[in-house]
Amino acid sequence: MRRDSTIGLATRGSAPALAQAELVLSQCRAAFPDLRFEMKVIRTTGDKLETASLSQGGKSLPKGLFTKELEVALVNGQADFAVRSLKDLPTALPLGLKLGAVSRRADERIDKICEGLNHLQTEQCVTSERSFLAAMGGGCASPVAAYAEIIDDDIHMRAISFPDGIIRRAFGTRRRNNSASLGRHLAEVLKGSPALQCSDGGSDGPSSYAHRESPAGV
């Protein structure tokens, strides 16, 4: 990268997005004083819908409501990198883009607070649920859901999807320290369930089933 070039930092225009972008911008300038940085505010589809309801009466919402325009700017060379909240970051990034860095927390006391507040069993359940949603390509408008709970040393999860009007349900159990793989496994079960699938891999393996129901009213 040439020292006489300006490095573009892309961000959404919301108040929280601008605040975190300004924080990263100051860190960049402090770490690389010989380089020039500038902020590029990009309006996303989600920003345009701020005054409208995100619920569109059953209509499907576009994916990447708060990220697509930022990704396009990176791919087209309008910006060199983007600052985004991890909550908005898709589980699968477009080809050619990657998570380049995770910035340090502004207040390191937050790390200690999080450690004190973190509940291991809930974390394992959330990990299983999020791995299921990621494998299903889930988003805010995707017709999928999952619920996991810990019973003794096992994690149990129920999942449902109905993208084409046909309800598909699945249930699975694994050791609680294997929570992420349970979510991925149930996603594969639901994607490929013609009517009924069963598997039993022993105490450390998967135990799951899936079945398909007719659309409502049929």
C-alpha atoms as a PDB file:
ATOM      1  CA  MET A   1       0.000   0.000   0.000  1.00  0.00           C
ATOM      2  CA  ARG A   2       1.363   3.438  -0.963  1.00  0.00           C
ATOM      3  CA  ARG A   3       2.007   5.861   1.858  1.00  0.00           C
ATOM      4  CA  ASP A   4       0.442   8.698  -0.180  1.00  0.00           C
ATOM      5  CA  SER A   5      -2.861   6.841  -0.575  1.00  0.00           C
ATOM      6  CA  THR A   6      -5.852   7.416   1.652  1.00  0.00           C
ATOM      7  CA  ILE A   7      -7.292   4.353   3.330  1.00  0.00           C
ATOM      8  CA  GLY A   8     -11.078   4.296   3.321  1.00  0.00           C
ATOM      9  CA  LEU A   9     -13.000   3.017   6.338  1.00  0.00           C
ATOM     10  CA  ALA A  10     -16.621   2.175   5.516  1.00  0.00           C
ATOM     11  CA  THR A  11     -19.382   2.324   8.103  1.00  0.00           C
ATOM     12  CA  ARG A  12     -23.123   2.669   8.447  1.00  0.00           C
ATOM     13  CA  GLY A  13     -24.477   6.077   9.356  1.00  0.00           C
ATOM     14  CA  SER A  14     -26.330   5.189  12.544  1.00  0.00           C
ATOM     15  CA  ALA A  15     -25.186   6.788  15.783  1.00  0.00           C
ATOM     16  CA  PRO A  16     -23.819   3.507  17.290  1.00  0.00           C
ATOM     17  CA  ALA A  17     -22.064   2.629  14.010  1.00  0.00           C
ATOM     18  CA  LEU A  18     -20.451   6.057  13.749  1.00  0.00           C
ATOM     19  CA  ALA A  19     -19.318   5.889  17.376  1.00  0.00           C
ATOM     20  CA  GLN A  20     -17.541   2.561  16.932  1.00  0.00           C
ATOM     21  CA  ALA A  21     -16.113   3.667  13.576  1.00  0.00           C
ATOM     22  CA  GLU A  22     -14.672   6.816  15.180  1.00  0.00           C
ATOM     23  CA  LEU A  23     -13.102   4.621  17.874  1.00  0.00           C
ATOM     24  CA  VAL A  24     -11.447   2.363  15.300  1.00  0.00           C
ATOM     25  CA  LEU A  25     -10.401   5.365  13.230  1.00  0.00           C
ATOM     26  CA  SER A  26      -8.583   6.881  16.215  1.00  0.00           C
ATOM     27  CA  GLN A  27      -6.890   3.535  16.896  1.00  0.00           C
ATOM     28  CA  CYS A  28      -5.751   3.329  13.260  1.00  0.00           C
ATOM     29  CA  ARG A  29      -4.304   6.822  13.321  1.00  0.00           C
ATOM     30  CA  ALA A  30      -2.484   6.143  16.578  1.00  0.00           C
ATOM     31  CA  ALA A  31      -1.056   2.822  15.354  1.00  0.00           C
ATOM     32  CA  PHE A  32      -0.145   4.079  11.845  1.00  0.00           C
ATOM     33  CA  PRO A  33       0.618   7.817  12.103  1.00  0.00           C
ATOM     34  CA  ASP A  34       2.254   7.902   8.644  1.00  0.00           C
ATOM     35  CA  LEU A  35      -0.924   6.746   6.900  1.00  0.00           C
ATOM     36  CA  ARG A  36      -4.016   8.754   6.021  1.00  0.00           C
ATOM     37  CA  PHE A  37      -7.455   7.416   6.916  1.00  0.00           C
ATOM     38  CA  GLU A  38     -10.895   8.713   6.057  1.00  0.00           C
ATOM     39  CA  MET A  39     -14.368   7.574   6.971  1.00  0.00           C
ATOM     40  CA  LYS A  40     -16.892   6.699   4.273  1.00  0.00           C
ATOM     41  CA  VAL A  41     -20.481   6.664   5.503  1.00  0.00           C
ATOM     42  CA  ILE A  42     -22.619   4.244   3.484  1.00  0.00           C
ATOM     43  CA  ARG A  43     -26.389   3.986   3.755  1.00  0.00           C
ATOM     44  CA  THR A  44     -27.607   0.390   3.850  1.00  0.00           C
ATOM     45  CA  THR A  45     -30.978  -1.111   3.023  1.00  0.00           C
ATOM     46  CA  GLY A  46     -31.667  -1.460   6.738  1.00  0.00           C
ATOM     47  CA  ASP A  47     -30.983   2.244   7.241  1.00  0.00           C
ATOM     48  CA  LYS A  48     -33.470   3.080   4.502  1.00  0.00           C
ATOM     49  CA  LEU A  49     -36.132   0.990   6.251  1.00  0.00           C
ATOM     50  CA  GLU A  50     -35.597   2.616   9.647  1.00  0.00           C
ATOM     51  CA  THR A  51     -38.823   4.576   9.382  1.00  0.00           C
ATOM     52  CA  ALA A  52     -40.766   1.585   8.097  1.00  0.00           C
ATOM     53  CA  SER A  53     -41.700  -1.641   9.829  1.00  0.00           C
ATOM     54  CA  LEU A  54     -39.336  -4.533   9.164  1.00  0.00           C
ATOM     55  CA  SER A  55     -42.399  -6.778   9.272  1.00  0.00           C
ATOM     56  CA  GLN A  56     -43.894  -6.736   5.791  1.00  0.00           C
ATOM     57  CA  GLY A  57     -46.985  -8.830   6.252  1.00  0.00           C
ATOM     58  CA  GLY A  58     -45.430 -12.169   5.371  1.00  0.00           C
ATOM     59  CA  LYS A  59     -43.221 -10.811   2.593  1.00  0.00           C
ATOM     60  CA  SER A  60     -39.637 -12.018   2.709  1.00  0.00           C
ATOM     61  CA  LEU A  61     -37.009  -9.460   3.665  1.00  0.00           C
ATOM     62  CA  PRO A  62     -33.740  -9.101   1.757  1.00  0.00           C
ATOM     63  CA  LYS A  63     -30.671 -10.700   3.278  1.00  0.00           C
ATOM     64  CA  GLY A  64     -27.897  -8.495   4.569  1.00  0.00           C
ATOM     65  CA  LEU A  65     -30.173  -5.620   5.520  1.00  0.00           C
ATOM     66  CA  PHE A  66     -27.362  -3.809   7.315  1.00  0.00           C
ATOM     67  CA  THR A  67     -24.351  -5.261   5.505  1.00  0.00           C
ATOM     68  CA  LYS A  68     -24.835  -5.701   1.744  1.00  0.00           C
ATOM     69  CA  GLU A  69     -23.920  -2.151   0.676  1.00  0.00           C
ATOM     70  CA  LEU A  70     -20.805  -2.237   2.864  1.00  0.00           C
ATOM     71  CA  GLU A  71     -19.746  -5.503   1.240  1.00  0.00           C
ATOM     72  CA  VAL A  72     -20.345  -4.078  -2.242  1.00  0.00           C
ATOM     73  CA  ALA A  73     -18.216  -1.046  -1.376  1.00  0.00           C
ATOM     74  CA  LEU A  74     -15.345  -3.324  -0.313  1.00  0.00           C
ATOM     75  CA  VAL A  75     -15.579  -5.549  -3.379  1.00  0.00           C
ATOM     76  CA  ASN A  76     -15.754  -2.527  -5.736  1.00  0.00           C
ATOM     77  CA  GLY A  77     -12.797  -0.810  -4.107  1.00  0.00           C
ATOM     78  CA  GLN A  78     -14.795   2.123  -2.747  1.00  0.00           C
ATOM     79  CA  ALA A  79     -13.395   1.339   0.707  1.00  0.00           C
ATOM     80  CA  ASP A  80     -10.463  -0.650   2.044  1.00  0.00           C
ATOM     81  CA  PHE A  81     -12.119  -2.060   5.137  1.00  0.00           C
ATOM     82  CA  ALA A  82     -15.376  -1.751   7.030  1.00  0.00           C
ATOM     83  CA  VAL A  83     -16.166  -1.430  10.711  1.00  0.00           C
ATOM     84  CA  ARG A  84     -19.203  -3.439  11.717  1.00  0.00           C
ATOM     85  CA  SER A  85     -20.818  -4.733  14.852  1.00  0.00           C
ATOM     86  CA  LEU A  86     -20.400  -8.485  15.238  1.00  0.00           C
ATOM     87  CA  LYS A  87     -24.152  -8.803  15.766  1.00  0.00           C
ATOM     88  CA  ASP A  88     -24.672  -7.638  12.164  1.00  0.00           C
ATOM     89  CA  LEU A  89     -21.902  -9.757  10.684  1.00  0.00           C
ATOM     90  CA  PRO A  90     -23.259 -12.677   8.596  1.00  0.00           C
ATOM     91  CA  THR A  91     -22.146 -16.159   9.580  1.00  0.00           C
ATOM     92  CA  ALA A  92     -20.933 -16.697   5.988  1.00  0.00           C
ATOM     93  CA  LEU A  93     -19.016 -13.860   4.330  1.00  0.00           C
ATOM     94  CA  PRO A  94     -18.996 -13.196   0.562  1.00  0.00           C
ATOM     95  CA  LEU A  95     -16.146 -14.589  -1.504  1.00  0.00           C
ATOM     96  CA  GLY A  96     -13.099 -12.378  -1.238  1.00  0.00           C
ATOM     97  CA  LEU A  97     -14.017 -10.860   2.135  1.00  0.00           C
ATOM     98  CA  LYS A  98     -12.924 -11.953   5.593  1.00  0.00           C
ATOM     99  CA  LEU A  99     -13.070 -10.949   9.237  1.00  0.00           C
ATOM    100  CA  GLY A 100      -9.739  -9.137   9.368  1.00  0.00           C
ATOM    101  CA  ALA A 101      -9.643  -8.136  13.016  1.00  0.00           C
ATOM    102  CA  VAL A 102     -11.676  -7.901  16.208  1.00  0.00           C
ATOM    103  CA  SER A 103     -10.835  -4.713  18.075  1.00  0.00           C
ATOM    104  CA  ARG A 104     -10.054  -4.592  21.760  1.00  0.00           C
ATOM    105  CA  ARG A 105     -12.857  -3.619  24.087  1.00  0.00           C
ATOM    106  CA  ALA A 106     -12.810   0.049  25.014  1.00  0.00           C
ATOM    107  CA  ASP A 107     -13.030  -0.854  28.689  1.00  0.00           C
ATOM    108  CA  GLU A 108     -11.217  -4.043  29.746  1.00  0.00           C
ATOM    109  CA  ARG A 109     -13.389  -4.199  32.847  1.00  0.00           C
ATOM    110  CA  ILE A 110     -16.159  -5.401  30.535  1.00  0.00           C
ATOM    111  CA  ASP A 111     -14.219  -8.636  29.965  1.00  0.00           C
ATOM    112  CA  LYS A 112     -14.177  -9.323  33.694  1.00  0.00           C
ATOM    113  CA  ILE A 113     -17.852  -8.424  34.006  1.00  0.00           C
ATOM    114  CA  CYS A 114     -18.718 -10.798  31.145  1.00  0.00           C
ATOM    115  CA  GLU A 115     -16.723 -13.585  32.748  1.00  0.00           C
ATOM    116  CA  GLY A 116     -18.663 -13.087  35.972  1.00  0.00           C
ATOM    117  CA  LEU A 117     -22.033 -12.951  34.207  1.00  0.00           C
ATOM    118  CA  ASN A 118     -21.464 -15.767  31.732  1.00  0.00           C
ATOM    119  CA  HIS A 119     -23.550 -18.872  32.411  1.00  0.00           C
ATOM    120  CA  LEU A 120     -21.835 -21.898  30.867  1.00  0.00           C
ATOM    121  CA  GLN A 121     -24.959 -23.977  30.230  1.00  0.00           C
ATOM    122  CA  THR A 122     -26.739 -21.071  28.543  1.00  0.00           C
ATOM    123  CA  GLU A 123     -23.628 -20.385  26.457  1.00  0.00           C
ATOM    124  CA  GLN A 124     -23.578 -24.013  25.291  1.00  0.00           C
ATOM    125  CA  CYS A 125     -27.269 -23.854  24.368  1.00  0.00           C
ATOM    126  CA  VAL A 126     -26.807 -20.617  22.454  1.00  0.00           C
ATOM    127  CA  THR A 127     -23.781 -22.086  20.666  1.00  0.00           C
ATOM    128  CA  SER A 128     -25.867 -25.039  19.514  1.00  0.00           C
ATOM    129  CA  GLU A 129     -28.755 -22.827  18.383  1.00  0.00           C
ATOM    130  CA  ARG A 130     -26.495 -20.421  16.492  1.00  0.00           C
ATOM    131  CA  SER A 131     -24.620 -23.233  14.750  1.00  0.00           C
ATOM    132  CA  PHE A 132     -27.999 -24.590  13.586  1.00  0.00           C
ATOM    133  CA  LEU A 133     -29.089 -21.194  12.259  1.00  0.00           C
ATOM    134  CA  ALA A 134     -25.743 -20.689  10.528  1.00  0.00           C
ATOM    135  CA  ALA A 135     -25.949 -24.084   8.820  1.00  0.00           C
ATOM    136  CA  MET A 136     -29.536 -23.339   7.738  1.00  0.00           C
ATOM    137  CA  GLY A 137     -28.560 -19.918   6.409  1.00  0.00           C
ATOM    138  CA  GLY A 138     -30.842 -18.362   8.990  1.00  0.00           C
ATOM    139  CA  GLY A 139     -31.476 -14.641   9.268  1.00  0.00           C
ATOM    140  CA  CYS A 140     -34.041 -12.258  10.696  1.00  0.00           C
ATOM    141  CA  ALA A 141     -36.587 -13.275   8.033  1.00  0.00           C
ATOM    142  CA  SER A 142     -35.775 -17.011   7.732  1.00  0.00           C
ATOM    143  CA  PRO A 143     -38.571 -19.457   8.657  1.00  0.00           C
ATOM    144  CA  VAL A 144     -36.424 -21.521  11.022  1.00  0.00           C
ATOM    145  CA  ALA A 145     -36.132 -21.771  14.795  1.00  0.00           C
ATOM    146  CA  ALA A 146     -34.326 -23.854  17.413  1.00  0.00           C
ATOM    147  CA  TYR A 147     -34.383 -24.297  21.166  1.00  0.00           C
ATOM    148  CA  ALA A 148     -31.699 -26.102  23.180  1.00  0.00           C
ATOM    149  CA  GLU A 149     -31.564 -27.089  26.842  1.00  0.00           C
ATOM    150  CA  ILE A 150     -29.142 -28.910  29.115  1.00  0.00           C
ATOM    151  CA  ILE A 151     -30.298 -32.023  30.976  1.00  0.00           C
ATOM    152  CA  ASP A 152     -27.612 -33.662  33.104  1.00  0.00           C
ATOM    153  CA  ASP A 153     -24.524 -33.998  30.878  1.00  0.00           C
ATOM    154  CA  ASP A 154     -26.409 -33.843  27.582  1.00  0.00           C
ATOM    155  CA  ILE A 155     -27.699 -31.023  25.424  1.00  0.00           C
ATOM    156  CA  HIS A 156     -31.105 -31.537  23.812  1.00  0.00           C
ATOM    157  CA  MET A 157     -32.348 -29.408  20.960  1.00  0.00           C
ATOM    158  CA  ARG A 158     -35.597 -29.073  19.036  1.00  0.00           C
ATOM    159  CA  ALA A 159     -35.616 -27.403  15.635  1.00  0.00           C
ATOM    160  CA  ILE A 160     -38.217 -26.510  13.021  1.00  0.00           C
ATOM    161  CA  SER A 161     -38.220 -25.150   9.489  1.00  0.00           C
ATOM    162  CA  PHE A 162     -40.935 -24.521   6.928  1.00  0.00           C
ATOM    163  CA  PRO A 163     -39.439 -22.660   3.963  1.00  0.00           C
ATOM    164  CA  ASP A 164     -41.760 -24.211   1.387  1.00  0.00           C
ATOM    165  CA  GLY A 165     -44.969 -24.511   3.419  1.00  0.00           C
ATOM    166  CA  ILE A 166     -44.075 -28.008   4.629  1.00  0.00           C
ATOM    167  CA  ILE A 167     -43.289 -28.147   8.334  1.00  0.00           C
ATOM    168  CA  ARG A 168     -40.128 -30.057   9.202  1.00  0.00           C
ATOM    169  CA  ARG A 169     -39.229 -30.781  12.807  1.00  0.00           C
ATOM    170  CA  ALA A 170     -36.093 -32.330  14.244  1.00  0.00           C
ATOM    171  CA  PHE A 171     -34.784 -33.325  17.650  1.00  0.00           C
ATOM    172  CA  GLY A 172     -31.297 -34.274  18.687  1.00  0.00           C
ATOM    173  CA  THR A 173     -29.125 -35.034  21.702  1.00  0.00           C
ATOM    174  CA  ARG A 174     -25.379 -34.915  22.241  1.00  0.00           C
ATOM    175  CA  ARG A 175     -22.892 -34.409  25.028  1.00  0.00           C
ATOM    176  CA  ARG A 176     -23.008 -30.800  26.178  1.00  0.00           C
ATOM    177  CA  ASN A 177     -19.371 -30.178  25.220  1.00  0.00           C
ATOM    178  CA  ASN A 178     -20.320 -31.027  21.626  1.00  0.00           C
ATOM    179  CA  SER A 179     -23.040 -28.394  21.290  1.00  0.00           C
ATOM    180  CA  ALA A 180     -21.942 -26.788  18.008  1.00  0.00           C
ATOM    181  CA  SER A 181     -21.888 -30.089  16.138  1.00  0.00           C
ATOM    182  CA  LEU A 182     -25.430 -30.844  17.319  1.00  0.00           C
ATOM    183  CA  GLY A 183     -26.711 -27.686  15.665  1.00  0.00           C
ATOM    184  CA  ARG A 184     -24.960 -28.480  12.394  1.00  0.00           C
ATOM    185  CA  HIS A 185     -26.179 -32.072  12.508  1.00  0.00           C
ATOM    186  CA  LEU A 186     -29.838 -31.111  12.946  1.00  0.00           C
ATOM    187  CA  ALA A 187     -29.566 -28.636  10.086  1.00  0.00           C
ATOM    188  CA  GLU A 188     -28.361 -31.425   7.805  1.00  0.00           C
ATOM    189  CA  VAL A 189     -31.152 -33.674   9.052  1.00  0.00           C
ATOM    190  CA  LEU A 190     -33.818 -31.083   8.251  1.00  0.00           C
ATOM    191  CA  LYS A 191     -32.347 -30.251   4.860  1.00  0.00           C
ATOM    192  CA  GLY A 192     -32.413 -33.876   3.814  1.00  0.00           C
ATOM    193  CA  SER A 193     -35.473 -35.242   5.621  1.00  0.00           C
ATOM    194  CA  PRO A 194     -37.886 -36.867   3.134  1.00  0.00           C
ATOM    195  CA  ALA A 195     -40.116 -38.242   5.872  1.00  0.00           C
ATOM    196  CA  LEU A 196     -38.236 -39.801   8.759  1.00  0.00           C
ATOM    197  CA  GLN A 197     -34.566 -40.171   9.592  1.00  0.00           C
ATOM    198  CA  CYS A 198     -33.021 -41.724  12.674  1.00  0.00           C
ATOM    199  CA  SER A 199     -29.481 -42.254  13.839  1.00  0.00           C
ATOM    200  CA  ASP A 200     -27.872 -43.376  17.042  1.00  0.00           C
ATOM    201  CA  GLY A 201     -24.134 -43.062  17.437  1.00  0.00           C
ATOM    202  CA  GLY A 202     -23.894 -44.232  21.021  1.00  0.00           C
ATOM    203  CA  SER A 203     -23.368 -42.121  24.125  1.00  0.00           C
ATOM    204  CA  ASP A 204     -21.000 -39.704  22.384  1.00  0.00           C
ATOM    205  CA  GLY A 205     -22.706 -39.757  18.996  1.00  0.00           C
ATOM    206  CA  PRO A 206     -25.873 -38.158  17.685  1.00  0.00           C
ATOM    207  CA  SER A 207     -29.337 -39.332  18.550  1.00  0.00           C
ATOM    208  CA  SER A 208     -31.873 -37.563  16.388  1.00  0.00           C
ATOM    209  CA  TYR A 209     -34.985 -37.777  14.285  1.00  0.00           C
ATOM    210  CA  ALA A 210     -36.794 -35.616  11.788  1.00  0.00           C
ATOM    211  CA  HIS A 211     -40.238 -35.765  10.242  1.00  0.00           C
ATOM    212  CA  ARG A 212     -42.257 -33.800   7.721  1.00  0.00           C
ATOM    213  CA  GLU A 213     -45.788 -32.501   8.144  1.00  0.00           C
ATOM    214  CA  SER A 214     -48.302 -31.285   5.592  1.00  0.00           C
ATOM    215  CA  PRO A 215     -48.859 -27.549   5.155  1.00  0.00           C
ATOM    216  CA  ALA A 216     -51.389 -25.967   7.502  1.00  0.00           C
ATOM    217  CA  GLY A 217     -54.944 -26.586   6.449  1.00  0.00           C
ATOM    218  CA  VAL A 218     -54.126 -29.572   4.238  1.00  0.00           C
END
